[in-house]
């Protein structure tokens, strides 16, 4: 029994030491070791919207490496040759010399302009609309080859590739050239002969007056 007063303080000291040791160990395990294992880190710069040349400078300046394989995707919002995607994302902390992968804009997606020559105007407009284009200006001209209200030519030409929603201008036929008749001298001719002559040219007598 005489040893208990001596052992009790010793046990308390040992317990306190173990508690302190455990706390220090926890700090080392959860805070110090991850820092030592992680080592130096750098921050990934924001590259979206930058030109490819500028992206190269930013990546190198951040201590990272640019992947030699660069993807390209159509984009109507970003100019051709500018970054639209990056991996890893911006502001992420990574190890130095990590590869950064880029996706560049290939510009607006293009589609072939359909051929609407020899089509009636209403049909041509439907074809253009279904292909993602719109009808532009209309010009008209007489043509003996193309029926009235049919498309003679178009700009841009069929098969050329353009972004959607551009205007395709059309040249439309007014039909054949109007015939011109040099009016003969009908004076002193019998009425029946005058009527027959005019009808042979597609004309007819209008109002008749007698004097």
N, C-alpha and C. Protein backbone atom coordinates (compact mmCIF):
# COMPACT_ATOMS: atom_id res chain seq x y z
N UNK A 1 0.82 -1.20 0.00
CA UNK A 1 0.00 0.00 0.00
C UNK A 1 0.85 1.25 0.00
N UNK A 2 2.06 1.15 0.57
CA UNK A 2 2.93 2.33 0.67
C UNK A 2 3.46 2.76 -0.68
N UNK A 3 3.40 1.81 -1.70
CA UNK A 3 3.92 2.16 -3.02
C UNK A 3 2.90 2.92 -3.89
N UNK A 4 1.64 2.81 -3.53
CA UNK A 4 0.60 3.44 -4.36
C UNK A 4 0.78 4.94 -4.52
N UNK A 5 1.07 5.69 -3.43
CA UNK A 5 1.27 7.13 -3.61
C UNK A 5 2.40 7.47 -4.56
N UNK A 6 3.37 6.61 -4.73
CA UNK A 6 4.50 6.87 -5.63
C UNK A 6 4.14 6.49 -7.06
N UNK A 7 3.44 5.35 -7.23
CA UNK A 7 3.11 4.86 -8.58
C UNK A 7 2.07 5.75 -9.27
N UNK A 8 1.14 6.30 -8.50
CA UNK A 8 0.06 7.07 -9.10
C UNK A 8 0.57 8.28 -9.88
N UNK A 9 1.47 9.11 -9.34
CA UNK A 9 2.01 10.23 -10.13
C UNK A 9 2.77 9.76 -11.36
N UNK A 10 3.47 8.63 -11.18
CA UNK A 10 4.23 8.11 -12.33
C UNK A 10 3.28 7.69 -13.44
N UNK A 11 2.20 7.03 -13.07
CA UNK A 11 1.21 6.58 -14.08
C UNK A 11 0.58 7.79 -14.77
N UNK A 12 0.27 8.84 -13.98
CA UNK A 12 -0.30 10.04 -14.56
C UNK A 12 0.65 10.68 -15.56
N UNK A 13 1.91 10.72 -15.19
CA UNK A 13 2.92 11.31 -16.09
C UNK A 13 3.01 10.52 -17.38
N UNK A 14 3.00 9.18 -17.22
CA UNK A 14 3.06 8.32 -18.41
C UNK A 14 1.85 8.54 -19.30
N UNK A 15 0.66 8.63 -18.70
CA UNK A 15 -0.56 8.85 -19.48
C UNK A 15 -0.53 10.18 -20.21
N UNK A 16 -0.08 11.21 -19.48
CA UNK A 16 0.02 12.53 -20.12
C UNK A 16 0.99 12.50 -21.29
N UNK A 17 2.12 11.80 -21.07
CA UNK A 17 3.12 11.68 -22.13
C UNK A 17 2.55 10.97 -23.34
N UNK A 18 1.79 9.89 -23.07
CA UNK A 18 1.20 9.14 -24.17
C UNK A 18 0.17 9.99 -24.93
N UNK A 19 -0.62 10.80 -24.18
CA UNK A 19 -1.61 11.66 -24.82
C UNK A 19 -0.92 12.70 -25.69
N UNK A 20 0.11 13.34 -25.13
CA UNK A 20 0.87 14.33 -25.90
C UNK A 20 1.51 13.69 -27.12
N UNK A 21 2.08 12.53 -26.95
CA UNK A 21 2.72 11.82 -28.05
C UNK A 21 1.71 11.47 -29.15
N UNK A 22 0.53 11.05 -28.70
CA UNK A 22 -0.52 10.73 -29.67
C UNK A 22 -0.95 11.97 -30.45
N UNK A 23 -1.05 13.10 -29.73
CA UNK A 23 -1.43 14.34 -30.42
C UNK A 23 -0.39 14.76 -31.44
N UNK A 24 0.88 14.67 -31.02
CA UNK A 24 1.96 15.02 -31.96
C UNK A 24 1.95 14.08 -33.16
N UNK A 25 1.71 12.79 -32.89
CA UNK A 25 1.65 11.81 -33.99
C UNK A 25 0.53 12.13 -34.96
N UNK A 26 -0.63 12.53 -34.40
CA UNK A 26 -1.77 12.86 -35.27
C UNK A 26 -1.45 14.06 -36.15
N UNK A 27 -0.78 15.07 -35.56
CA UNK A 27 -0.40 16.24 -36.34
C UNK A 27 0.55 15.85 -37.47
N UNK A 28 1.49 14.98 -37.15
CA UNK A 28 2.46 14.55 -38.16
C UNK A 28 1.76 13.77 -39.27
N UNK A 29 0.85 12.87 -38.86
CA UNK A 29 0.19 12.01 -39.85
C UNK A 29 -0.74 12.80 -40.76
N UNK A 30 -1.53 13.70 -40.16
CA UNK A 30 -2.58 14.38 -40.92
C UNK A 30 -2.15 15.71 -41.54
N UNK A 31 -1.09 16.30 -41.08
CA UNK A 31 -0.71 17.62 -41.59
C UNK A 31 0.70 17.66 -42.17
N UNK A 32 1.65 17.14 -41.42
CA UNK A 32 3.05 17.23 -41.85
C UNK A 32 3.34 16.26 -42.98
N UNK A 33 2.94 14.98 -42.81
CA UNK A 33 3.27 13.95 -43.81
C UNK A 33 2.65 14.26 -45.18
N UNK A 34 1.35 14.65 -45.24
CA UNK A 34 0.82 14.97 -46.58
C UNK A 34 1.59 16.08 -47.28
N UNK A 35 2.04 17.07 -46.50
CA UNK A 35 2.81 18.16 -47.10
C UNK A 35 4.13 17.65 -47.65
N UNK A 36 4.78 16.77 -46.86
CA UNK A 36 6.06 16.23 -47.30
C UNK A 36 5.89 15.33 -48.52
N UNK A 37 4.78 14.54 -48.51
CA UNK A 37 4.54 13.63 -49.63
C UNK A 37 4.15 14.42 -50.88
N UNK A 38 3.29 15.43 -50.69
CA UNK A 38 2.82 16.21 -51.82
C UNK A 38 3.95 17.01 -52.45
N UNK A 39 4.77 17.56 -51.70
CA UNK A 39 5.89 18.31 -52.23
C UNK A 39 5.45 19.63 -52.84
N UNK A 40 6.26 20.17 -53.73
CA UNK A 40 5.98 21.46 -54.36
C UNK A 40 4.82 21.33 -55.33
N UNK A 41 3.98 22.34 -55.37
CA UNK A 41 2.85 22.36 -56.29
C UNK A 41 2.81 23.69 -57.04
N UNK A 42 2.18 23.65 -58.22
CA UNK A 42 1.98 24.86 -59.01
C UNK A 42 0.51 24.95 -59.37
N UNK A 43 0.07 26.14 -59.73
CA UNK A 43 -1.34 26.36 -60.05
C UNK A 43 -1.53 26.39 -61.56
N UNK A 44 -2.53 25.64 -62.02
CA UNK A 44 -2.82 25.59 -63.45
C UNK A 44 -3.43 26.92 -63.88
N UNK A 45 -2.86 27.58 -64.89
CA UNK A 45 -3.41 28.88 -65.35
C UNK A 45 -4.71 28.69 -66.14
N UNK A 46 -5.47 29.76 -66.25
CA UNK A 46 -6.69 29.74 -67.06
C UNK A 46 -6.32 29.95 -68.52
N UNK A 47 -6.68 28.98 -69.37
CA UNK A 47 -6.26 29.01 -70.77
C UNK A 47 -7.42 29.18 -71.74
N UNK A 48 -8.64 28.97 -71.29
CA UNK A 48 -9.81 29.05 -72.17
C UNK A 48 -9.95 30.46 -72.73
N UNK A 49 -10.09 30.54 -74.04
CA UNK A 49 -10.21 31.83 -74.72
C UNK A 49 -8.90 32.38 -75.23
N UNK A 50 -7.78 31.80 -74.76
CA UNK A 50 -6.46 32.28 -75.20
C UNK A 50 -6.09 31.64 -76.54
N UNK A 51 -5.24 32.32 -77.30
CA UNK A 51 -4.72 31.73 -78.52
C UNK A 51 -3.77 30.60 -78.16
N UNK A 52 -3.51 29.73 -79.13
CA UNK A 52 -2.63 28.59 -78.86
C UNK A 52 -1.24 29.06 -78.48
N UNK A 53 -0.74 30.09 -79.14
CA UNK A 53 0.60 30.60 -78.83
C UNK A 53 0.66 31.17 -77.42
N UNK A 54 -0.37 31.91 -77.02
CA UNK A 54 -0.41 32.46 -75.68
C UNK A 54 -0.54 31.36 -74.64
N UNK A 55 -1.31 30.32 -74.96
CA UNK A 55 -1.48 29.19 -74.03
C UNK A 55 -0.14 28.50 -73.78
N UNK A 56 0.68 28.37 -74.82
CA UNK A 56 2.00 27.75 -74.67
C UNK A 56 2.83 28.54 -73.67
N UNK A 57 2.84 29.86 -73.79
CA UNK A 57 3.62 30.71 -72.89
C UNK A 57 3.11 30.59 -71.46
N UNK A 58 1.80 30.57 -71.27
CA UNK A 58 1.23 30.49 -69.92
C UNK A 58 1.55 29.15 -69.27
N UNK A 59 1.48 28.08 -70.05
CA UNK A 59 1.76 26.74 -69.51
C UNK A 59 3.23 26.64 -69.10
N UNK A 60 4.11 27.10 -69.96
CA UNK A 60 5.53 27.05 -69.63
C UNK A 60 5.85 27.94 -68.43
N UNK A 61 5.23 29.12 -68.40
CA UNK A 61 5.48 30.04 -67.29
C UNK A 61 5.01 29.50 -65.95
N UNK A 62 4.02 28.59 -65.97
CA UNK A 62 3.52 27.99 -64.73
C UNK A 62 4.32 26.76 -64.32
N UNK A 63 5.31 26.37 -65.10
CA UNK A 63 6.11 25.20 -64.77
C UNK A 63 5.46 23.89 -65.16
N UNK A 64 4.59 23.94 -66.18
CA UNK A 64 3.89 22.74 -66.64
C UNK A 64 4.32 22.40 -68.06
N UNK A 65 3.85 21.26 -68.54
CA UNK A 65 4.17 20.81 -69.89
C UNK A 65 2.90 20.73 -70.71
N UNK A 66 2.99 21.09 -72.00
CA UNK A 66 1.84 21.03 -72.88
C UNK A 66 1.85 19.73 -73.67
N UNK A 67 0.70 19.04 -73.66
CA UNK A 67 0.59 17.78 -74.40
C UNK A 67 0.72 18.08 -75.90
N UNK A 68 1.50 17.27 -76.58
CA UNK A 68 1.72 17.48 -78.01
C UNK A 68 0.47 17.19 -78.83
N UNK A 69 -0.42 16.35 -78.30
CA UNK A 69 -1.67 16.01 -79.00
C UNK A 69 -2.71 17.08 -78.67
N UNK A 70 -3.13 17.83 -79.66
CA UNK A 70 -4.11 18.90 -79.47
C UNK A 70 -5.37 18.56 -80.24
N UNK A 71 -6.50 18.51 -79.56
CA UNK A 71 -7.78 18.23 -80.22
C UNK A 71 -8.37 19.52 -80.79
N UNK A 72 -9.24 19.36 -81.78
CA UNK A 72 -9.95 20.50 -82.35
C UNK A 72 -11.43 20.16 -82.47
N UNK A 73 -12.26 21.14 -82.13
CA UNK A 73 -13.71 20.98 -82.22
C UNK A 73 -14.33 22.25 -82.80
N UNK A 74 -15.42 22.10 -83.57
CA UNK A 74 -16.09 23.29 -84.09
C UNK A 74 -16.65 24.15 -82.95
N UNK A 75 -16.59 25.45 -83.14
CA UNK A 75 -17.14 26.38 -82.14
C UNK A 75 -17.55 27.67 -82.83
N UNK A 76 -18.80 28.06 -82.60
CA UNK A 76 -19.28 29.31 -83.20
C UNK A 76 -19.01 30.50 -82.28
N UNK A 77 -18.59 30.24 -81.04
CA UNK A 77 -18.36 31.31 -80.06
C UNK A 77 -16.89 31.70 -79.93
N UNK A 78 -15.99 30.77 -80.23
CA UNK A 78 -14.55 31.01 -80.02
C UNK A 78 -13.83 31.04 -81.36
N UNK A 79 -12.98 32.04 -81.60
CA UNK A 79 -12.26 32.12 -82.89
C UNK A 79 -11.39 30.88 -83.12
N UNK A 80 -11.17 30.59 -84.37
CA UNK A 80 -10.36 29.43 -84.73
C UNK A 80 -8.95 29.56 -84.14
N UNK A 81 -8.43 28.46 -83.59
CA UNK A 81 -7.08 28.45 -83.03
C UNK A 81 -7.01 28.88 -81.59
N UNK A 82 -8.14 29.18 -80.95
CA UNK A 82 -8.17 29.57 -79.55
C UNK A 82 -8.68 28.41 -78.69
N UNK A 83 -8.31 28.42 -77.41
CA UNK A 83 -8.61 27.31 -76.51
C UNK A 83 -10.08 27.35 -76.10
N UNK A 84 -10.76 26.19 -76.21
CA UNK A 84 -12.14 26.09 -75.73
C UNK A 84 -12.25 25.14 -74.54
N UNK A 85 -11.26 24.26 -74.33
CA UNK A 85 -11.26 23.36 -73.18
C UNK A 85 -9.83 23.12 -72.72
N UNK A 86 -9.67 22.82 -71.42
CA UNK A 86 -8.36 22.48 -70.90
C UNK A 86 -8.50 21.41 -69.82
N UNK A 87 -7.47 20.61 -69.68
CA UNK A 87 -7.42 19.55 -68.67
C UNK A 87 -5.98 19.42 -68.19
N UNK A 88 -5.70 19.66 -66.89
CA UNK A 88 -6.59 19.94 -65.77
C UNK A 88 -7.23 21.33 -65.87
N UNK A 89 -8.32 21.54 -65.11
CA UNK A 89 -8.99 22.84 -65.14
C UNK A 89 -8.15 23.94 -64.51
N UNK A 90 -8.53 25.18 -64.75
CA UNK A 90 -7.79 26.33 -64.21
C UNK A 90 -7.87 26.38 -62.69
N UNK A 91 -6.81 26.92 -62.08
CA UNK A 91 -6.71 27.16 -60.63
C UNK A 91 -6.56 25.90 -59.80
N UNK A 92 -6.32 24.76 -60.44
CA UNK A 92 -6.07 23.52 -59.71
C UNK A 92 -4.58 23.43 -59.38
N UNK A 93 -4.26 23.01 -58.13
CA UNK A 93 -2.87 22.83 -57.72
C UNK A 93 -2.39 21.44 -58.12
N UNK A 94 -1.32 21.38 -58.89
CA UNK A 94 -0.77 20.12 -59.38
C UNK A 94 0.75 20.13 -59.22
N UNK A 95 1.35 18.97 -59.48
CA UNK A 95 2.80 18.89 -59.42
C UNK A 95 3.41 19.55 -60.65
N UNK A 96 4.62 20.10 -60.49
CA UNK A 96 5.30 20.71 -61.64
C UNK A 96 5.49 19.71 -62.78
N UNK A 97 5.55 20.23 -64.00
CA UNK A 97 5.80 19.45 -65.21
C UNK A 97 4.64 18.53 -65.58
N UNK A 98 3.51 18.70 -64.95
CA UNK A 98 2.34 17.89 -65.32
C UNK A 98 1.87 18.29 -66.71
N UNK A 99 1.33 17.30 -67.48
CA UNK A 99 0.85 17.57 -68.83
C UNK A 99 -0.49 18.29 -68.80
N UNK A 100 -0.61 19.29 -69.63
CA UNK A 100 -1.86 20.02 -69.79
C UNK A 100 -2.38 19.74 -71.20
N UNK A 101 -3.61 19.26 -71.30
CA UNK A 101 -4.21 18.92 -72.59
C UNK A 101 -5.17 20.03 -73.02
N UNK A 102 -5.10 20.40 -74.29
CA UNK A 102 -5.92 21.49 -74.81
C UNK A 102 -6.84 21.02 -75.92
N UNK A 103 -7.99 21.67 -76.02
CA UNK A 103 -8.90 21.50 -77.16
C UNK A 103 -9.08 22.88 -77.78
N UNK A 104 -8.73 22.98 -79.07
CA UNK A 104 -8.79 24.26 -79.77
C UNK A 104 -10.04 24.36 -80.64
N UNK A 105 -10.44 25.58 -80.89
CA UNK A 105 -11.58 25.83 -81.77
C UNK A 105 -11.17 25.63 -83.22
N UNK A 106 -12.00 24.90 -83.94
CA UNK A 106 -11.78 24.72 -85.37
C UNK A 106 -12.59 25.74 -86.17
N UNK A 107 -13.15 26.72 -85.47
CA UNK A 107 -14.01 27.70 -86.13
C UNK A 107 -15.43 27.18 -86.25
N UNK A 108 -16.27 27.96 -86.85
CA UNK A 108 -17.67 27.57 -87.01
C UNK A 108 -17.77 26.34 -87.91
N UNK A 109 -18.68 25.46 -87.56
CA UNK A 109 -18.91 24.28 -88.39
C UNK A 109 -19.51 24.70 -89.72
N UNK A 110 -19.04 24.10 -90.80
CA UNK A 110 -19.50 24.47 -92.13
C UNK A 110 -20.32 23.35 -92.76
N UNK A 111 -21.21 23.74 -93.67
CA UNK A 111 -22.07 22.79 -94.36
C UNK A 111 -22.09 23.13 -95.85
N UNK A 112 -22.26 22.12 -96.71
CA UNK A 112 -22.31 22.42 -98.16
C UNK A 112 -23.61 23.12 -98.53
N UNK A 113 -23.50 24.11 -99.39
CA UNK A 113 -24.68 24.83 -99.87
C UNK A 113 -25.40 23.94 -100.88
N UNK A 114 -26.71 23.70 -100.71
CA UNK A 114 -27.42 22.83 -101.65
C UNK A 114 -27.60 23.48 -103.01
N UNK A 115 -27.78 22.65 -104.03
CA UNK A 115 -27.99 23.12 -105.39
C UNK A 115 -29.48 23.34 -105.61
N UNK A 116 -29.88 24.60 -105.82
CA UNK A 116 -31.29 24.90 -106.03
C UNK A 116 -31.57 25.42 -107.43
N UNK A 117 -30.59 25.34 -108.33
CA UNK A 117 -30.79 25.78 -109.71
C UNK A 117 -31.86 24.93 -110.37
N UNK A 118 -32.68 25.55 -111.20
CA UNK A 118 -33.79 24.91 -111.91
C UNK A 118 -34.96 24.56 -111.00
N UNK A 119 -34.88 24.92 -109.74
CA UNK A 119 -35.99 24.68 -108.82
C UNK A 119 -36.92 25.90 -108.81
N UNK A 120 -38.21 25.63 -108.59
CA UNK A 120 -39.12 26.75 -108.39
C UNK A 120 -38.72 27.48 -107.11
N UNK A 121 -38.96 28.77 -107.10
CA UNK A 121 -38.48 29.61 -106.00
C UNK A 121 -38.96 29.09 -104.64
N UNK A 122 -40.23 28.74 -104.53
CA UNK A 122 -40.76 28.26 -103.25
C UNK A 122 -40.05 26.99 -102.80
N UNK A 123 -39.81 26.07 -103.74
CA UNK A 123 -39.10 24.83 -103.42
C UNK A 123 -37.66 25.12 -103.02
N UNK A 124 -37.00 26.04 -103.73
CA UNK A 124 -35.61 26.40 -103.42
C UNK A 124 -35.50 26.96 -102.01
N UNK A 125 -36.45 27.81 -101.62
CA UNK A 125 -36.42 28.39 -100.28
C UNK A 125 -36.56 27.31 -99.22
N UNK A 126 -37.40 26.32 -99.45
CA UNK A 126 -37.57 25.22 -98.49
C UNK A 126 -36.30 24.40 -98.37
N UNK A 127 -35.66 24.12 -99.50
CA UNK A 127 -34.41 23.34 -99.49
C UNK A 127 -33.32 24.08 -98.71
N UNK A 128 -33.20 25.37 -98.94
CA UNK A 128 -32.19 26.16 -98.23
C UNK A 128 -32.46 26.17 -96.73
N UNK A 129 -33.71 26.34 -96.35
CA UNK A 129 -34.07 26.38 -94.93
C UNK A 129 -33.78 25.05 -94.25
N UNK A 130 -34.09 23.95 -94.91
CA UNK A 130 -33.84 22.63 -94.33
C UNK A 130 -32.35 22.33 -94.20
N UNK A 131 -31.54 22.98 -95.04
CA UNK A 131 -30.09 22.78 -94.98
C UNK A 131 -29.42 23.73 -94.00
N UNK A 132 -30.20 24.62 -93.36
CA UNK A 132 -29.64 25.53 -92.36
C UNK A 132 -29.25 26.89 -92.91
N UNK A 133 -29.68 27.18 -94.16
CA UNK A 133 -29.36 28.48 -94.76
C UNK A 133 -30.65 29.30 -94.91
N UNK A 134 -30.49 30.54 -95.31
CA UNK A 134 -31.65 31.38 -95.55
C UNK A 134 -31.55 32.06 -96.91
N UNK A 135 -32.71 32.39 -97.46
CA UNK A 135 -32.72 33.04 -98.77
C UNK A 135 -32.26 34.48 -98.63
N UNK A 136 -31.37 34.89 -99.54
CA UNK A 136 -30.88 36.26 -99.51
C UNK A 136 -31.63 37.13 -100.51
N UNK A 137 -30.90 37.96 -101.23
CA UNK A 137 -31.51 38.87 -102.19
C UNK A 137 -32.00 38.12 -103.43
N UNK A 138 -33.05 38.66 -104.05
CA UNK A 138 -33.57 38.09 -105.29
C UNK A 138 -33.30 39.06 -106.44
N UNK A 139 -32.81 38.51 -107.55
CA UNK A 139 -32.67 39.28 -108.78
C UNK A 139 -33.45 38.53 -109.86
N UNK A 140 -34.06 39.25 -110.78
CA UNK A 140 -34.88 38.62 -111.81
C UNK A 140 -34.39 39.02 -113.19
N UNK A 141 -34.60 38.11 -114.14
CA UNK A 141 -34.19 38.36 -115.52
C UNK A 141 -35.04 37.47 -116.43
N UNK A 142 -35.30 37.95 -117.64
CA UNK A 142 -36.03 37.13 -118.61
C UNK A 142 -35.12 36.02 -119.13
N UNK A 143 -35.70 34.85 -119.33
CA UNK A 143 -34.92 33.72 -119.83
C UNK A 143 -35.83 32.82 -120.66
N UNK A 144 -35.38 32.48 -121.87
CA UNK A 144 -36.12 31.55 -122.71
C UNK A 144 -35.85 30.10 -122.33
N UNK A 145 -34.82 29.89 -121.51
CA UNK A 145 -34.44 28.52 -121.12
C UNK A 145 -35.13 28.08 -119.84
N UNK A 146 -35.30 29.00 -118.90
CA UNK A 146 -35.88 28.65 -117.61
C UNK A 146 -37.31 29.15 -117.52
N UNK A 147 -38.23 28.30 -117.05
CA UNK A 147 -39.62 28.75 -116.88
C UNK A 147 -39.71 29.87 -115.85
N UNK A 148 -40.81 30.58 -115.91
CA UNK A 148 -41.02 31.68 -114.97
C UNK A 148 -40.99 31.19 -113.53
N UNK A 149 -40.35 32.00 -112.66
CA UNK A 149 -40.27 31.75 -111.21
C UNK A 149 -39.38 30.56 -110.85
N UNK A 150 -38.45 30.19 -111.72
CA UNK A 150 -37.47 29.16 -111.39
C UNK A 150 -36.10 29.80 -111.21
N UNK A 151 -35.25 29.14 -110.41
CA UNK A 151 -33.93 29.67 -110.09
C UNK A 151 -32.97 29.39 -111.24
N UNK A 152 -32.30 30.44 -111.70
CA UNK A 152 -31.30 30.31 -112.77
C UNK A 152 -29.91 30.09 -112.19
N UNK A 153 -29.54 30.86 -111.15
CA UNK A 153 -28.21 30.78 -110.56
C UNK A 153 -28.29 31.16 -109.08
N UNK A 154 -27.22 30.87 -108.36
CA UNK A 154 -27.19 31.14 -106.92
C UNK A 154 -25.79 31.57 -106.49
N UNK A 155 -25.73 32.35 -105.41
CA UNK A 155 -24.47 32.77 -104.80
C UNK A 155 -24.61 32.68 -103.28
N UNK A 156 -23.74 31.90 -102.56
CA UNK A 156 -22.61 31.09 -103.03
C UNK A 156 -23.06 29.91 -103.91
N UNK A 157 -22.11 29.40 -104.67
CA UNK A 157 -22.41 28.31 -105.59
C UNK A 157 -22.67 27.02 -104.81
N UNK A 158 -23.38 26.11 -105.44
CA UNK A 158 -23.70 24.83 -104.81
C UNK A 158 -22.43 24.05 -104.50
N UNK A 159 -22.42 23.40 -103.34
CA UNK A 159 -21.28 22.57 -102.93
C UNK A 159 -20.24 23.29 -102.11
N UNK A 160 -20.21 24.63 -102.17
CA UNK A 160 -19.25 25.36 -101.34
C UNK A 160 -19.71 25.29 -99.88
N UNK A 161 -18.76 25.29 -98.96
CA UNK A 161 -19.08 25.10 -97.54
C UNK A 161 -19.05 26.42 -96.79
N UNK A 162 -20.11 26.65 -96.01
CA UNK A 162 -20.24 27.88 -95.23
C UNK A 162 -20.90 27.56 -93.90
N UNK A 163 -20.71 28.45 -92.90
CA UNK A 163 -21.43 28.27 -91.64
C UNK A 163 -22.93 28.38 -91.86
N UNK A 164 -23.72 27.78 -90.98
CA UNK A 164 -25.17 27.87 -91.13
C UNK A 164 -25.68 29.30 -90.99
N UNK A 165 -26.88 29.51 -91.51
CA UNK A 165 -27.61 30.79 -91.41
C UNK A 165 -27.09 31.88 -92.33
N UNK A 166 -26.12 31.58 -93.21
CA UNK A 166 -25.71 32.62 -94.16
C UNK A 166 -26.80 32.76 -95.24
N UNK A 167 -26.80 33.88 -95.95
CA UNK A 167 -27.80 34.13 -96.98
C UNK A 167 -27.30 33.62 -98.33
N UNK A 168 -28.18 32.94 -99.05
CA UNK A 168 -27.89 32.49 -100.41
C UNK A 168 -28.73 33.34 -101.36
N UNK A 169 -28.06 34.11 -102.21
CA UNK A 169 -28.73 35.02 -103.13
C UNK A 169 -29.10 34.27 -104.42
N UNK A 170 -30.28 34.58 -104.95
CA UNK A 170 -30.83 33.82 -106.08
C UNK A 170 -31.13 34.73 -107.27
N UNK A 171 -30.89 34.20 -108.48
CA UNK A 171 -31.30 34.83 -109.72
C UNK A 171 -32.47 34.03 -110.26
N UNK A 172 -33.63 34.67 -110.43
CA UNK A 172 -34.87 33.98 -110.77
C UNK A 172 -35.36 34.42 -112.14
N UNK A 173 -35.90 33.46 -112.87
CA UNK A 173 -36.39 33.73 -114.23
C UNK A 173 -37.75 34.42 -114.22
N UNK A 174 -37.92 35.38 -115.13
CA UNK A 174 -39.21 36.02 -115.37
C UNK A 174 -39.94 35.38 -116.54
N UNK A 175 -39.40 34.28 -117.03
CA UNK A 175 -39.97 33.64 -118.21
C UNK A 175 -39.30 34.13 -119.47
N UNK A 176 -39.85 33.73 -120.62
CA UNK A 176 -39.25 34.10 -121.90
C UNK A 176 -39.29 35.60 -122.16
N UNK A 177 -38.43 36.03 -123.06
CA UNK A 177 -38.39 37.44 -123.42
C UNK A 177 -39.71 37.83 -124.10
N UNK A 178 -40.24 38.99 -123.77
CA UNK A 178 -41.49 39.42 -124.42
C UNK A 178 -41.28 39.64 -125.91
N UNK A 179 -42.27 39.22 -126.69
CA UNK A 179 -42.16 39.39 -128.14
C UNK A 179 -42.49 40.83 -128.52
N UNK A 180 -41.75 41.32 -129.47
CA UNK A 180 -41.95 42.69 -129.95
C UNK A 180 -42.45 42.61 -131.39
N UNK A 181 -43.57 43.24 -131.65
CA UNK A 181 -44.15 43.24 -132.99
C UNK A 181 -44.10 44.66 -133.56
N UNK A 182 -43.54 44.77 -134.74
CA UNK A 182 -43.58 46.04 -135.45
C UNK A 182 -44.96 46.15 -136.09
N UNK A 183 -45.74 47.08 -135.59
CA UNK A 183 -47.12 47.21 -136.06
C UNK A 183 -47.17 47.57 -137.54
N UNK A 184 -47.82 46.73 -138.34
CA UNK A 184 -47.93 47.05 -139.78
C UNK A 184 -48.94 48.18 -140.00
N UNK A 185 -48.88 48.73 -141.17
CA UNK A 185 -49.82 49.78 -141.54
C UNK A 185 -51.13 49.12 -141.97
N UNK A 186 -52.15 49.29 -141.15
CA UNK A 186 -53.42 48.63 -141.38
C UNK A 186 -54.43 49.50 -142.12
N UNK A 187 -54.04 50.68 -142.40
CA UNK A 187 -54.97 51.60 -143.08
C UNK A 187 -55.32 51.09 -144.47
N UNK A 188 -56.60 51.26 -144.79
CA UNK A 188 -57.16 50.90 -146.09
C UNK A 188 -57.26 49.38 -146.28
N UNK A 189 -56.98 48.58 -145.23
CA UNK A 189 -57.14 47.14 -145.33
C UNK A 189 -58.54 46.76 -144.87
N UNK A 190 -59.14 45.75 -145.49
CA UNK A 190 -60.46 45.28 -145.05
C UNK A 190 -60.39 44.80 -143.60
N UNK A 191 -61.47 45.02 -142.87
CA UNK A 191 -61.49 44.67 -141.45
C UNK A 191 -61.20 43.20 -141.21
N UNK A 192 -61.75 42.34 -142.05
CA UNK A 192 -61.53 40.90 -141.85
C UNK A 192 -60.04 40.55 -141.99
N UNK A 193 -59.37 41.19 -142.93
CA UNK A 193 -57.93 40.92 -143.11
C UNK A 193 -57.13 41.47 -141.93
N UNK A 194 -57.55 42.63 -141.45
CA UNK A 194 -56.86 43.21 -140.28
C UNK A 194 -57.00 42.29 -139.09
N UNK A 195 -58.24 41.77 -138.86
CA UNK A 195 -58.46 40.88 -137.71
C UNK A 195 -57.61 39.61 -137.82
N UNK A 196 -57.56 39.03 -139.01
CA UNK A 196 -56.78 37.80 -139.21
C UNK A 196 -55.29 38.05 -139.00
N UNK A 197 -54.81 39.21 -139.50
CA UNK A 197 -53.39 39.53 -139.35
C UNK A 197 -53.02 39.71 -137.88
N UNK A 198 -53.84 40.42 -137.15
CA UNK A 198 -53.54 40.66 -135.74
C UNK A 198 -53.61 39.36 -134.93
N UNK A 199 -54.60 38.54 -135.21
CA UNK A 199 -54.73 37.28 -134.47
C UNK A 199 -53.56 36.35 -134.75
N UNK A 200 -52.97 36.45 -135.93
CA UNK A 200 -51.80 35.61 -136.24
C UNK A 200 -50.60 35.98 -135.39
N UNK A 201 -50.61 37.21 -134.85
CA UNK A 201 -49.53 37.66 -133.97
C UNK A 201 -49.95 37.66 -132.49
N UNK A 202 -51.07 37.04 -132.21
CA UNK A 202 -51.51 36.97 -130.83
C UNK A 202 -52.20 38.22 -130.35
N UNK A 203 -52.66 39.03 -131.24
CA UNK A 203 -53.34 40.28 -130.89
C UNK A 203 -54.80 40.18 -131.31
N UNK A 204 -55.56 41.11 -130.83
CA UNK A 204 -56.96 41.17 -131.24
C UNK A 204 -57.41 42.63 -131.29
N UNK A 205 -58.48 42.85 -132.05
CA UNK A 205 -59.00 44.19 -132.20
C UNK A 205 -59.73 44.59 -130.91
N UNK A 206 -59.50 45.81 -130.47
CA UNK A 206 -60.19 46.31 -129.32
C UNK A 206 -61.50 46.98 -129.71
N UNK A 207 -61.63 48.21 -129.39
CA UNK A 207 -62.85 48.94 -129.70
C UNK A 207 -62.86 49.36 -131.18
N UNK A 208 -63.98 49.16 -131.81
CA UNK A 208 -64.13 49.56 -133.20
C UNK A 208 -65.00 50.82 -133.29
N UNK A 209 -64.56 51.75 -134.10
CA UNK A 209 -65.31 52.97 -134.31
C UNK A 209 -65.51 53.17 -135.82
N UNK A 210 -66.66 53.64 -136.16
CA UNK A 210 -66.97 53.87 -137.58
C UNK A 210 -67.15 55.36 -137.82
N UNK A 211 -66.60 55.83 -138.90
CA UNK A 211 -66.75 57.23 -139.30
C UNK A 211 -67.16 57.28 -140.75
